[in-house]
Amino acid sequence: MITEAFEEQAKKLRQLLSDPGYAAWYSVIAELLKHRKRVEQESIRYFFLKRILGIEYYHDTQLAPNKEILDGYKDKAISWEQYETNFLALLKQRDPKILNDIKLFDEACLLCSEDKPDHCHRRLVAEYIQEVNPQEKIEIIHI
């Protein structure tokens, strides 16, 4: 049975995917399993992307902020500038191995819960990928 939520997610994904042809989507959402709604959304995205469109779908918390950074910003204990500094330091400390294979991000889309890239760690991850791969010509497009 197709639910209303599935139809809504499918409509949004179809819109996003109609222009650029993606090979993979990488979810960089923190604490995915904590919230039931996010689990449902992830299931819908996986089903729609992988099963229907043949696009790989990954969830990687190594590319997400930790609870301390995220809560600090949400609670206004730290500014966006401090969030950026802390998050980039965390990325460098974690040294996510997935970033060693830039080909995995060829025609890929980074997915998180923010609508715009201004105050979003998705943008920071994309810029970090550029920074650690200076030999590659990486184009970032915000959709």
C-alpha atoms as a PDB file:
ATOM      1  CA  MET A   1       0.000   0.000   0.000  1.00  0.00           C
ATOM      2  CA  ILE A   2       1.484   3.345  -1.031  1.00  0.00           C
ATOM      3  CA  THR A   3       1.123   5.910   1.710  1.00  0.00           C
ATOM      4  CA  GLU A   4       0.626   9.641   1.333  1.00  0.00           C
ATOM      5  CA  ALA A   5       4.134  10.172   2.783  1.00  0.00           C
ATOM      6  CA  PHE A   6       5.609   7.881   0.128  1.00  0.00           C
ATOM      7  CA  GLU A   7       3.815   9.732  -2.652  1.00  0.00           C
ATOM      8  CA  GLU A   8       5.039  13.107  -1.315  1.00  0.00           C
ATOM      9  CA  GLN A   9       8.653  11.902  -1.026  1.00  0.00           C
ATOM     10  CA  ALA A  10       8.476  10.304  -4.469  1.00  0.00           C
ATOM     11  CA  LYS A  11       7.207  13.561  -5.977  1.00  0.00           C
ATOM     12  CA  LYS A  12      10.036  15.574  -4.352  1.00  0.00           C
ATOM     13  CA  LEU A  13      12.691  13.066  -5.401  1.00  0.00           C
ATOM     14  CA  ARG A  14      11.379  12.861  -8.946  1.00  0.00           C
ATOM     15  CA  GLN A  15      11.618  16.671  -9.194  1.00  0.00           C
ATOM     16  CA  LEU A  16      15.161  16.752  -7.841  1.00  0.00           C
ATOM     17  CA  LEU A  17      16.361  13.930 -10.049  1.00  0.00           C
ATOM     18  CA  SER A  18      14.756  15.051 -13.280  1.00  0.00           C
ATOM     19  CA  ASP A  19      17.539  17.469 -14.239  1.00  0.00           C
ATOM     20  CA  PRO A  20      21.048  16.289 -13.320  1.00  0.00           C
ATOM     21  CA  GLY A  21      21.294  12.425 -13.404  1.00  0.00           C
ATOM     22  CA  TYR A  22      22.790  11.283 -10.141  1.00  0.00           C
ATOM     23  CA  ALA A  23      24.717   8.065  -9.636  1.00  0.00           C
ATOM     24  CA  ALA A  24      24.495   8.119  -5.823  1.00  0.00           C
ATOM     25  CA  TRP A  25      23.022   9.985  -2.887  1.00  0.00           C
ATOM     26  CA  TYR A  26      24.876  10.231   0.420  1.00  0.00           C
ATOM     27  CA  SER A  27      22.801  10.985   3.498  1.00  0.00           C
ATOM     28  CA  VAL A  28      24.885  12.923   6.023  1.00  0.00           C
ATOM     29  CA  ILE A  29      22.135  13.220   8.628  1.00  0.00           C
ATOM     30  CA  ALA A  30      23.197  12.723  12.242  1.00  0.00           C
ATOM     31  CA  GLU A  31      21.361  10.375  14.601  1.00  0.00           C
ATOM     32  CA  LEU A  32      19.248   8.833  11.868  1.00  0.00           C
ATOM     33  CA  LEU A  33      17.689   6.058  13.934  1.00  0.00           C
ATOM     34  CA  LYS A  34      16.652   8.339  16.803  1.00  0.00           C
ATOM     35  CA  HIS A  35      13.567   9.682  15.103  1.00  0.00           C
ATOM     36  CA  ARG A  36      10.878   7.466  13.607  1.00  0.00           C
ATOM     37  CA  LYS A  37       9.974   9.993  10.913  1.00  0.00           C
ATOM     38  CA  ARG A  38      13.581  10.080   9.675  1.00  0.00           C
ATOM     39  CA  VAL A  39      13.688   6.276   9.579  1.00  0.00           C
ATOM     40  CA  GLU A  40      10.530   6.260   7.484  1.00  0.00           C
ATOM     41  CA  GLN A  41      11.968   8.924   5.184  1.00  0.00           C
ATOM     42  CA  GLU A  42      15.230   6.983   4.807  1.00  0.00           C
ATOM     43  CA  SER A  43      13.272   3.817   3.939  1.00  0.00           C
ATOM     44  CA  ILE A  44      11.272   5.710   1.333  1.00  0.00           C
ATOM     45  CA  ARG A  45      14.397   7.305  -0.148  1.00  0.00           C
ATOM     46  CA  TYR A  46      16.236   3.982  -0.264  1.00  0.00           C
ATOM     47  CA  PHE A  47      13.322   2.205  -1.907  1.00  0.00           C
ATOM     48  CA  PHE A  48      12.685   4.958  -4.428  1.00  0.00           C
ATOM     49  CA  LEU A  49      16.312   5.615  -5.302  1.00  0.00           C
ATOM     50  CA  LYS A  50      17.732   2.100  -5.310  1.00  0.00           C
ATOM     51  CA  ARG A  51      14.789  -0.037  -6.311  1.00  0.00           C
ATOM     52  CA  ILE A  52      13.020   2.242  -8.753  1.00  0.00           C
ATOM     53  CA  LEU A  53      15.740   4.495 -10.195  1.00  0.00           C
ATOM     54  CA  GLY A  54      18.830   2.311  -9.689  1.00  0.00           C
ATOM     55  CA  ILE A  55      20.681   5.058  -7.800  1.00  0.00           C
ATOM     56  CA  GLU A  56      22.912   4.006  -4.898  1.00  0.00           C
ATOM     57  CA  TYR A  57      21.914   5.342  -1.493  1.00  0.00           C
ATOM     58  CA  TYR A  58      24.244   5.555   1.505  1.00  0.00           C
ATOM     59  CA  HIS A  59      23.961   6.924   5.025  1.00  0.00           C
ATOM     60  CA  ASP A  60      27.273   7.908   6.639  1.00  0.00           C
ATOM     61  CA  THR A  61      27.408   9.489  10.093  1.00  0.00           C
ATOM     62  CA  GLN A  62      31.163  10.078   9.663  1.00  0.00           C
ATOM     63  CA  LEU A  63      30.131  13.043   7.520  1.00  0.00           C
ATOM     64  CA  ALA A  64      27.642  14.364  10.108  1.00  0.00           C
ATOM     65  CA  PRO A  65      28.171  16.596  13.127  1.00  0.00           C
ATOM     66  CA  ASN A  66      28.333  15.006  16.561  1.00  0.00           C
ATOM     67  CA  LYS A  67      25.685  15.672  19.200  1.00  0.00           C
ATOM     68  CA  GLU A  68      27.819  18.246  21.026  1.00  0.00           C
ATOM     69  CA  ILE A  69      28.297  20.433  17.949  1.00  0.00           C
ATOM     70  CA  LEU A  70      24.735  20.042  16.700  1.00  0.00           C
ATOM     71  CA  ASP A  71      23.133  20.721  20.080  1.00  0.00           C
ATOM     72  CA  GLY A  72      25.495  23.637  20.739  1.00  0.00           C
ATOM     73  CA  TYR A  73      24.311  25.339  17.572  1.00  0.00           C
ATOM     74  CA  LYS A  74      20.622  24.462  18.001  1.00  0.00           C
ATOM     75  CA  ASP A  75      20.691  25.751  21.595  1.00  0.00           C
ATOM     76  CA  LYS A  76      22.503  28.921  20.440  1.00  0.00           C
ATOM     77  CA  ALA A  77      25.454  28.133  22.723  1.00  0.00           C
ATOM     78  CA  ILE A  78      27.773  28.485  19.707  1.00  0.00           C
ATOM     79  CA  SER A  79      27.562  30.690  16.611  1.00  0.00           C
ATOM     80  CA  TRP A  80      27.446  29.403  13.048  1.00  0.00           C
ATOM     81  CA  GLU A  81      31.094  30.430  12.637  1.00  0.00           C
ATOM     82  CA  GLN A  82      32.051  28.319  15.677  1.00  0.00           C
ATOM     83  CA  TYR A  83      29.907  25.468  14.365  1.00  0.00           C
ATOM     84  CA  GLU A  84      31.843  25.562  11.073  1.00  0.00           C
ATOM     85  CA  THR A  85      35.196  25.594  12.890  1.00  0.00           C
ATOM     86  CA  ASN A  86      34.195  22.744  15.209  1.00  0.00           C
ATOM     87  CA  PHE A  87      32.645  20.636  12.463  1.00  0.00           C
ATOM     88  CA  LEU A  88      35.608  20.985  10.104  1.00  0.00           C
ATOM     89  CA  ALA A  89      37.967  20.084  12.962  1.00  0.00           C
ATOM     90  CA  LEU A  90      35.800  17.013  13.623  1.00  0.00           C
ATOM     91  CA  LEU A  91      35.968  15.990   9.957  1.00  0.00           C
ATOM     92  CA  LYS A  92      39.760  16.295   9.994  1.00  0.00           C
ATOM     93  CA  GLN A  93      39.945  14.273  13.208  1.00  0.00           C
ATOM     94  CA  ARG A  94      37.650  11.532  11.891  1.00  0.00           C
ATOM     95  CA  ASP A  95      39.435  11.433   8.522  1.00  0.00           C
ATOM     96  CA  PRO A  96      36.539   9.567   6.855  1.00  0.00           C
ATOM     97  CA  LYS A  97      37.994   6.879   4.591  1.00  0.00           C
ATOM     98  CA  ILE A  98      35.160   7.328   2.101  1.00  0.00           C
ATOM     99  CA  LEU A  99      36.742  10.653   1.128  1.00  0.00           C
ATOM    100  CA  ASN A 100      39.856   8.842  -0.100  1.00  0.00           C
ATOM    101  CA  ASP A 101      37.946   7.566  -3.134  1.00  0.00           C
ATOM    102  CA  ILE A 102      36.693  10.677  -4.883  1.00  0.00           C
ATOM    103  CA  LYS A 103      35.139   8.549  -7.639  1.00  0.00           C
ATOM    104  CA  LEU A 104      32.404   7.575  -5.153  1.00  0.00           C
ATOM    105  CA  PHE A 105      31.236  11.189  -5.249  1.00  0.00           C
ATOM    106  CA  ASP A 106      31.176  11.490  -9.027  1.00  0.00           C
ATOM    107  CA  GLU A 107      27.641  12.602  -9.918  1.00  0.00           C
ATOM    108  CA  ALA A 108      26.597  12.235  -6.270  1.00  0.00           C
ATOM    109  CA  CYS A 109      24.235  14.270  -4.144  1.00  0.00           C
ATOM    110  CA  LEU A 110      24.776  15.007  -0.440  1.00  0.00           C
ATOM    111  CA  LEU A 111      21.535  14.904   1.490  1.00  0.00           C
ATOM    112  CA  CYS A 112      20.735  16.410   4.886  1.00  0.00           C
ATOM    113  CA  SER A 113      17.729  17.966   6.552  1.00  0.00           C
ATOM    114  CA  GLU A 114      18.440  21.653   5.849  1.00  0.00           C
ATOM    115  CA  ASP A 115      16.677  23.329   2.960  1.00  0.00           C
ATOM    116  CA  LYS A 116      19.385  25.841   1.990  1.00  0.00           C
ATOM    117  CA  PRO A 117      23.187  25.470   2.087  1.00  0.00           C
ATOM    118  CA  ASP A 118      23.959  28.683   4.012  1.00  0.00           C
ATOM    119  CA  HIS A 119      23.873  27.139   7.489  1.00  0.00           C
ATOM    120  CA  CYS A 120      24.197  23.500   6.537  1.00  0.00           C
ATOM    121  CA  HIS A 121      26.923  20.962   7.183  1.00  0.00           C
ATOM    122  CA  ARG A 122      26.184  19.435   3.755  1.00  0.00           C
ATOM    123  CA  ARG A 123      27.862  22.490   2.215  1.00  0.00           C
ATOM    124  CA  LEU A 124      30.774  22.145   4.608  1.00  0.00           C
ATOM    125  CA  VAL A 125      31.205  18.474   3.647  1.00  0.00           C
ATOM    126  CA  ALA A 126      31.148  19.345  -0.070  1.00  0.00           C
ATOM    127  CA  GLU A 127      33.729  22.091   0.410  1.00  0.00           C
ATOM    128  CA  TYR A 128      35.853  19.758   2.555  1.00  0.00           C
ATOM    129  CA  ILE A 129      35.787  17.156  -0.235  1.00  0.00           C
ATOM    130  CA  GLN A 130      37.099  19.873  -2.590  1.00  0.00           C
ATOM    131  CA  GLU A 131      39.789  20.835  -0.092  1.00  0.00           C
ATOM    132  CA  VAL A 132      41.123  17.304   0.448  1.00  0.00           C
ATOM    133  CA  ASN A 133      41.119  16.594  -3.295  1.00  0.00           C
ATOM    134  CA  PRO A 134      42.853  19.660  -4.776  1.00  0.00           C
ATOM    135  CA  GLN A 135      43.947  17.695  -7.845  1.00  0.00           C
ATOM    136  CA  GLU A 136      40.328  17.072  -8.848  1.00  0.00           C
ATOM    137  CA  LYS A 137      38.035  19.544 -10.588  1.00  0.00           C
ATOM    138  CA  ILE A 138      35.000  19.289  -8.310  1.00  0.00           C
ATOM    139  CA  GLU A 139      31.881  21.309  -9.054  1.00  0.00           C
ATOM    140  CA  ILE A 140      29.408  21.899  -6.226  1.00  0.00           C
ATOM    141  CA  ILE A 141      25.814  22.563  -7.228  1.00  0.00           C
ATOM    142  CA  HIS A 142      23.245  23.367  -4.560  1.00  0.00           C
ATOM    143  CA  ILE A 143      19.779  22.095  -5.473  1.00  0.00           C
END
